[in-house]
Amino acid sequence: MAMGPLLSIPVAVILGRRMVGRSGWSVPSWRVVGVVAGEHLPGRDARGASVRSDGDEEQFLWGGLRLELYRDAAESYWGNLTGQQPSLFVLCVEAEDGSLQPEWVTADANEAGSGVEGNDRVFAAAIPPEVYQQLERFVVEHYVPREKRKRTRTDWGADKPQ
């Protein structure tokens, strides 16, 4: 029986798309501009709403997402927070029209790796300060480091007859 998340934080993702021209045709190049958090974010009705266009890049807001934190992933969260570049990971799937759609947001690098193996697009984004604080608190409350034990070597030659 799988346990549900212990903490669920509402988030929205801002995706940026710029068209890159190649030999008479163009293809979209996507990036995650950022992740924002808060109770008053737009919901699922703001999925894919254009929020900014500067001629070079158009940005889209994807609301209605949640960052869910699970006790059994606390070690991965700790590794993420203590790594060189703490990040949230946004898994996106390609729609039929070629656009990208964020499906979920996680702080678990192992889960993000699973998305990459499944041929989905996974982007790393900076952790918003308010989410960083909640994630840090979650790790302090739920992560218990395992005691490091040194392996003992087996002496395979001890059983040989002389």
C-alpha atoms as a PDB file:
ATOM      1  CA  MET A   1       0.000   0.000   0.000  1.00  0.00           C
ATOM      2  CA  ALA A   2       1.607   3.265  -1.119  1.00  0.00           C
ATOM      3  CA  MET A   3       1.534   6.172   1.230  1.00  0.00           C
ATOM      4  CA  GLY A   4       0.401   9.533  -0.031  1.00  0.00           C
ATOM      5  CA  PRO A   5       2.523  12.648   0.111  1.00  0.00           C
ATOM      6  CA  LEU A   6       3.211  14.156   3.503  1.00  0.00           C
ATOM      7  CA  LEU A   7       3.427  17.634   2.005  1.00  0.00           C
ATOM      8  CA  SER A   8       1.837  18.977  -1.177  1.00  0.00           C
ATOM      9  CA  ILE A   9       2.860  22.447  -2.385  1.00  0.00           C
ATOM     10  CA  PRO A  10       0.937  24.178  -5.198  1.00  0.00           C
ATOM     11  CA  VAL A  11       3.265  25.274  -8.000  1.00  0.00           C
ATOM     12  CA  ALA A  12       3.126  26.621 -11.522  1.00  0.00           C
ATOM     13  CA  VAL A  13       5.725  26.291 -14.258  1.00  0.00           C
ATOM     14  CA  ILE A  14       6.715  28.937 -16.781  1.00  0.00           C
ATOM     15  CA  LEU A  15       7.972  27.438 -20.050  1.00  0.00           C
ATOM     16  CA  GLY A  16       9.801  29.466 -22.665  1.00  0.00           C
ATOM     17  CA  ARG A  17       9.716  28.637 -26.366  1.00  0.00           C
ATOM     18  CA  ARG A  18      11.867  30.159 -29.047  1.00  0.00           C
ATOM     19  CA  MET A  19      11.824  29.114 -32.640  1.00  0.00           C
ATOM     20  CA  VAL A  20      15.218  28.117 -34.018  1.00  0.00           C
ATOM     21  CA  GLY A  21      15.606  28.343 -37.794  1.00  0.00           C
ATOM     22  CA  ARG A  22      17.442  25.677 -39.723  1.00  0.00           C
ATOM     23  CA  SER A  23      17.720  25.559 -43.524  1.00  0.00           C
ATOM     24  CA  GLY A  24      14.383  27.166 -44.317  1.00  0.00           C
ATOM     25  CA  TRP A  25      12.363  25.548 -41.520  1.00  0.00           C
ATOM     26  CA  SER A  26      12.152  26.183 -37.812  1.00  0.00           C
ATOM     27  CA  VAL A  27      11.810  24.006 -34.718  1.00  0.00           C
ATOM     28  CA  PRO A  28      10.838  24.989 -31.188  1.00  0.00           C
ATOM     29  CA  SER A  29      13.496  25.093 -28.500  1.00  0.00           C
ATOM     30  CA  TRP A  30      12.039  24.814 -24.989  1.00  0.00           C
ATOM     31  CA  ARG A  31      13.311  25.736 -21.533  1.00  0.00           C
ATOM     32  CA  VAL A  32      11.882  26.102 -18.062  1.00  0.00           C
ATOM     33  CA  VAL A  33      12.019  29.786 -17.178  1.00  0.00           C
ATOM     34  CA  GLY A  34      11.094  29.048 -13.582  1.00  0.00           C
ATOM     35  CA  VAL A  35       8.813  27.475 -11.029  1.00  0.00           C
ATOM     36  CA  VAL A  36       6.634  29.631  -8.789  1.00  0.00           C
ATOM     37  CA  ALA A  37       4.798  28.510  -5.670  1.00  0.00           C
ATOM     38  CA  GLY A  38       1.832  29.701  -3.678  1.00  0.00           C
ATOM     39  CA  GLU A  39      -1.777  29.086  -2.776  1.00  0.00           C
ATOM     40  CA  HIS A  40      -3.079  31.871  -5.059  1.00  0.00           C
ATOM     41  CA  LEU A  41      -1.605  30.601  -8.323  1.00  0.00           C
ATOM     42  CA  PRO A  42      -3.785  30.068 -11.368  1.00  0.00           C
ATOM     43  CA  GLY A  43      -5.220  26.568 -11.564  1.00  0.00           C
ATOM     44  CA  ARG A  44      -5.587  24.098 -14.389  1.00  0.00           C
ATOM     45  CA  ASP A  45      -7.508  26.701 -16.408  1.00  0.00           C
ATOM     46  CA  ALA A  46      -4.177  28.503 -16.918  1.00  0.00           C
ATOM     47  CA  ARG A  47      -2.515  25.511 -18.525  1.00  0.00           C
ATOM     48  CA  GLY A  48      -0.542  26.841 -21.455  1.00  0.00           C
ATOM     49  CA  ALA A  49      -1.641  30.456 -21.209  1.00  0.00           C
ATOM     50  CA  SER A  50       0.739  32.818 -22.967  1.00  0.00           C
ATOM     51  CA  VAL A  51       2.076  35.289 -20.389  1.00  0.00           C
ATOM     52  CA  ARG A  52       4.880  37.064 -22.239  1.00  0.00           C
ATOM     53  CA  SER A  53       6.253  37.476 -25.726  1.00  0.00           C
ATOM     54  CA  ASP A  54       9.236  39.576 -26.643  1.00  0.00           C
ATOM     55  CA  GLY A  55       9.571  38.603 -30.286  1.00  0.00           C
ATOM     56  CA  ASP A  56      12.426  36.204 -29.580  1.00  0.00           C
ATOM     57  CA  GLU A  57      10.738  34.004 -26.974  1.00  0.00           C
ATOM     58  CA  GLU A  58       7.179  33.317 -25.916  1.00  0.00           C
ATOM     59  CA  GLN A  59       6.476  32.218 -22.343  1.00  0.00           C
ATOM     60  CA  PHE A  60       3.606  30.034 -21.165  1.00  0.00           C
ATOM     61  CA  LEU A  61       2.195  29.534 -17.673  1.00  0.00           C
ATOM     62  CA  TRP A  62       1.175  26.054 -16.561  1.00  0.00           C
ATOM     63  CA  GLY A  63      -0.804  26.135 -13.324  1.00  0.00           C
ATOM     64  CA  GLY A  64      -2.533  23.453 -11.319  1.00  0.00           C
ATOM     65  CA  LEU A  65       0.621  21.447 -10.557  1.00  0.00           C
ATOM     66  CA  ARG A  66       1.827  20.285  -7.135  1.00  0.00           C
ATOM     67  CA  LEU A  67       5.220  19.476  -5.681  1.00  0.00           C
ATOM     68  CA  GLU A  68       4.525  16.447  -3.516  1.00  0.00           C
ATOM     69  CA  LEU A  69       7.011  15.325  -0.893  1.00  0.00           C
ATOM     70  CA  TYR A  70       7.191  11.731   0.328  1.00  0.00           C
ATOM     71  CA  ARG A  71       8.977  10.381   3.411  1.00  0.00           C
ATOM     72  CA  ASP A  72      10.672   7.557   1.487  1.00  0.00           C
ATOM     73  CA  ALA A  73      12.305  10.072  -0.890  1.00  0.00           C
ATOM     74  CA  ALA A  74      13.777  12.245   1.902  1.00  0.00           C
ATOM     75  CA  GLU A  75      17.292  10.930   1.254  1.00  0.00           C
ATOM     76  CA  SER A  76      17.073  11.992  -2.401  1.00  0.00           C
ATOM     77  CA  TYR A  77      15.788  15.440  -1.353  1.00  0.00           C
ATOM     78  CA  TRP A  78      18.731  15.743   1.053  1.00  0.00           C
ATOM     79  CA  GLY A  79      21.161  14.831  -1.747  1.00  0.00           C
ATOM     80  CA  ASN A  80      19.525  17.437  -3.966  1.00  0.00           C
ATOM     81  CA  LEU A  81      19.711  20.184  -1.323  1.00  0.00           C
ATOM     82  CA  THR A  82      23.355  19.474  -0.474  1.00  0.00           C
ATOM     83  CA  GLY A  83      24.447  19.137  -4.121  1.00  0.00           C
ATOM     84  CA  GLN A  84      26.141  21.811  -6.181  1.00  0.00           C
ATOM     85  CA  GLN A  85      22.936  23.152  -7.703  1.00  0.00           C
ATOM     86  CA  PRO A  86      19.728  22.353  -5.770  1.00  0.00           C
ATOM     87  CA  SER A  87      16.880  22.099  -8.281  1.00  0.00           C
ATOM     88  CA  LEU A  88      13.296  21.216  -8.877  1.00  0.00           C
ATOM     89  CA  PHE A  89      12.785  18.908 -11.825  1.00  0.00           C
ATOM     90  CA  VAL A  90       9.952  19.459 -14.297  1.00  0.00           C
ATOM     91  CA  LEU A  91       8.882  16.491 -16.418  1.00  0.00           C
ATOM     92  CA  CYS A  92       7.235  17.523 -19.684  1.00  0.00           C
ATOM     93  CA  VAL A  93       5.492  15.471 -22.351  1.00  0.00           C
ATOM     94  CA  GLU A  94       5.104  16.461 -25.968  1.00  0.00           C
ATOM     95  CA  ALA A  95       1.558  17.164 -27.133  1.00  0.00           C
ATOM     96  CA  GLU A  96       0.280  16.271 -30.594  1.00  0.00           C
ATOM     97  CA  ASP A  97       0.750  19.874 -31.750  1.00  0.00           C
ATOM     98  CA  GLY A  98       4.458  19.762 -30.790  1.00  0.00           C
ATOM     99  CA  SER A  99       4.118  21.871 -27.661  1.00  0.00           C
ATOM    100  CA  LEU A 100       5.492  20.729 -24.320  1.00  0.00           C
ATOM    101  CA  GLN A 101       3.228  20.250 -21.342  1.00  0.00           C
ATOM    102  CA  PRO A 102       4.551  19.937 -17.771  1.00  0.00           C
ATOM    103  CA  GLU A 103       3.122  16.832 -16.124  1.00  0.00           C
ATOM    104  CA  TRP A 104       4.769  16.959 -12.706  1.00  0.00           C
ATOM    105  CA  VAL A 105       7.350  18.730 -10.594  1.00  0.00           C
ATOM    106  CA  THR A 106       9.640  16.907  -8.169  1.00  0.00           C
ATOM    107  CA  ALA A 107      12.653  17.512  -5.943  1.00  0.00           C
ATOM    108  CA  ASP A 108      13.649  13.840  -6.242  1.00  0.00           C
ATOM    109  CA  ALA A 109      16.579  13.446  -8.643  1.00  0.00           C
ATOM    110  CA  ASN A 110      15.942   9.690  -8.842  1.00  0.00           C
ATOM    111  CA  GLU A 111      12.381  10.273 -10.018  1.00  0.00           C
ATOM    112  CA  ALA A 112      13.650  12.822 -12.552  1.00  0.00           C
ATOM    113  CA  GLY A 113      16.112  10.222 -13.848  1.00  0.00           C
ATOM    114  CA  SER A 114      13.237   7.802 -14.370  1.00  0.00           C
ATOM    115  CA  GLY A 115      11.513  10.424 -16.518  1.00  0.00           C
ATOM    116  CA  VAL A 116      14.607  10.826 -18.674  1.00  0.00           C
ATOM    117  CA  GLU A 117      14.815   7.050 -19.136  1.00  0.00           C
ATOM    118  CA  GLY A 118      11.170   7.090 -20.250  1.00  0.00           C
ATOM    119  CA  ASN A 119      12.051   9.525 -23.072  1.00  0.00           C
ATOM    120  CA  ASP A 120      10.209  12.440 -21.492  1.00  0.00           C
ATOM    121  CA  ARG A 121      11.816  15.871 -21.341  1.00  0.00           C
ATOM    122  CA  VAL A 122      13.062  16.759 -17.874  1.00  0.00           C
ATOM    123  CA  PHE A 123      14.255  20.255 -17.044  1.00  0.00           C
ATOM    124  CA  ALA A 124      15.994  21.484 -13.891  1.00  0.00           C
ATOM    125  CA  ALA A 125      14.812  24.777 -12.406  1.00  0.00           C
ATOM    126  CA  ALA A 126      15.928  26.866  -9.460  1.00  0.00           C
ATOM    127  CA  ILE A 127      14.014  26.174  -6.260  1.00  0.00           C
ATOM    128  CA  PRO A 128      11.916  29.185  -5.196  1.00  0.00           C
ATOM    129  CA  PRO A 129      13.053  30.382  -1.715  1.00  0.00           C
ATOM    130  CA  GLU A 130       9.735  29.565  -0.027  1.00  0.00           C
ATOM    131  CA  VAL A 131       9.818  26.030  -1.452  1.00  0.00           C
ATOM    132  CA  TYR A 132      13.487  25.616  -0.487  1.00  0.00           C
ATOM    133  CA  GLN A 133      12.591  26.412   3.135  1.00  0.00           C
ATOM    134  CA  GLN A 134       9.730  23.903   3.165  1.00  0.00           C
ATOM    135  CA  LEU A 135      11.874  21.242   1.502  1.00  0.00           C
ATOM    136  CA  GLU A 136      14.700  21.834   3.966  1.00  0.00           C
ATOM    137  CA  ARG A 137      12.277  21.568   6.908  1.00  0.00           C
ATOM    138  CA  PHE A 138      10.824  18.363   5.450  1.00  0.00           C
ATOM    139  CA  VAL A 139      14.297  16.798   5.157  1.00  0.00           C
ATOM    140  CA  VAL A 140      15.214  17.774   8.729  1.00  0.00           C
ATOM    141  CA  GLU A 141      11.994  16.194  10.017  1.00  0.00           C
ATOM    142  CA  HIS A 142      12.017  13.007   7.930  1.00  0.00           C
ATOM    143  CA  TYR A 143      15.549  12.102   6.825  1.00  0.00           C
ATOM    144  CA  VAL A 144      17.572   9.860   9.095  1.00  0.00           C
ATOM    145  CA  PRO A 145      21.042   9.233   7.657  1.00  0.00           C
ATOM    146  CA  ARG A 146      22.073   5.596   7.598  1.00  0.00           C
ATOM    147  CA  GLU A 147      25.084   4.706   9.654  1.00  0.00           C
ATOM    148  CA  LYS A 148      28.008   4.010   7.375  1.00  0.00           C
ATOM    149  CA  ARG A 149      29.421   0.568   7.860  1.00  0.00           C
ATOM    150  CA  LYS A 150      32.668  -0.719   6.518  1.00  0.00           C
ATOM    151  CA  ARG A 151      32.442  -3.980   4.649  1.00  0.00           C
ATOM    152  CA  THR A 152      34.443  -6.847   6.034  1.00  0.00           C
ATOM    153  CA  ARG A 153      36.377  -8.857   3.515  1.00  0.00           C
ATOM    154  CA  THR A 154      35.856 -12.553   3.273  1.00  0.00           C
ATOM    155  CA  ASP A 155      39.063 -14.519   3.491  1.00  0.00           C
ATOM    156  CA  TRP A 156      38.401 -17.068   0.752  1.00  0.00           C
ATOM    157  CA  GLY A 157      41.788 -18.710   1.307  1.00  0.00           C
ATOM    158  CA  ALA A 158      41.079 -19.628   4.940  1.00  0.00           C
ATOM    159  CA  ASP A 159      39.012 -22.683   3.998  1.00  0.00           C
ATOM    160  CA  LYS A 160      41.566 -24.197   1.599  1.00  0.00           C
ATOM    161  CA  PRO A 161      43.198 -27.416   2.755  1.00  0.00           C
ATOM    162  CA  GLN A 162      46.940 -27.105   3.262  1.00  0.00           C
END
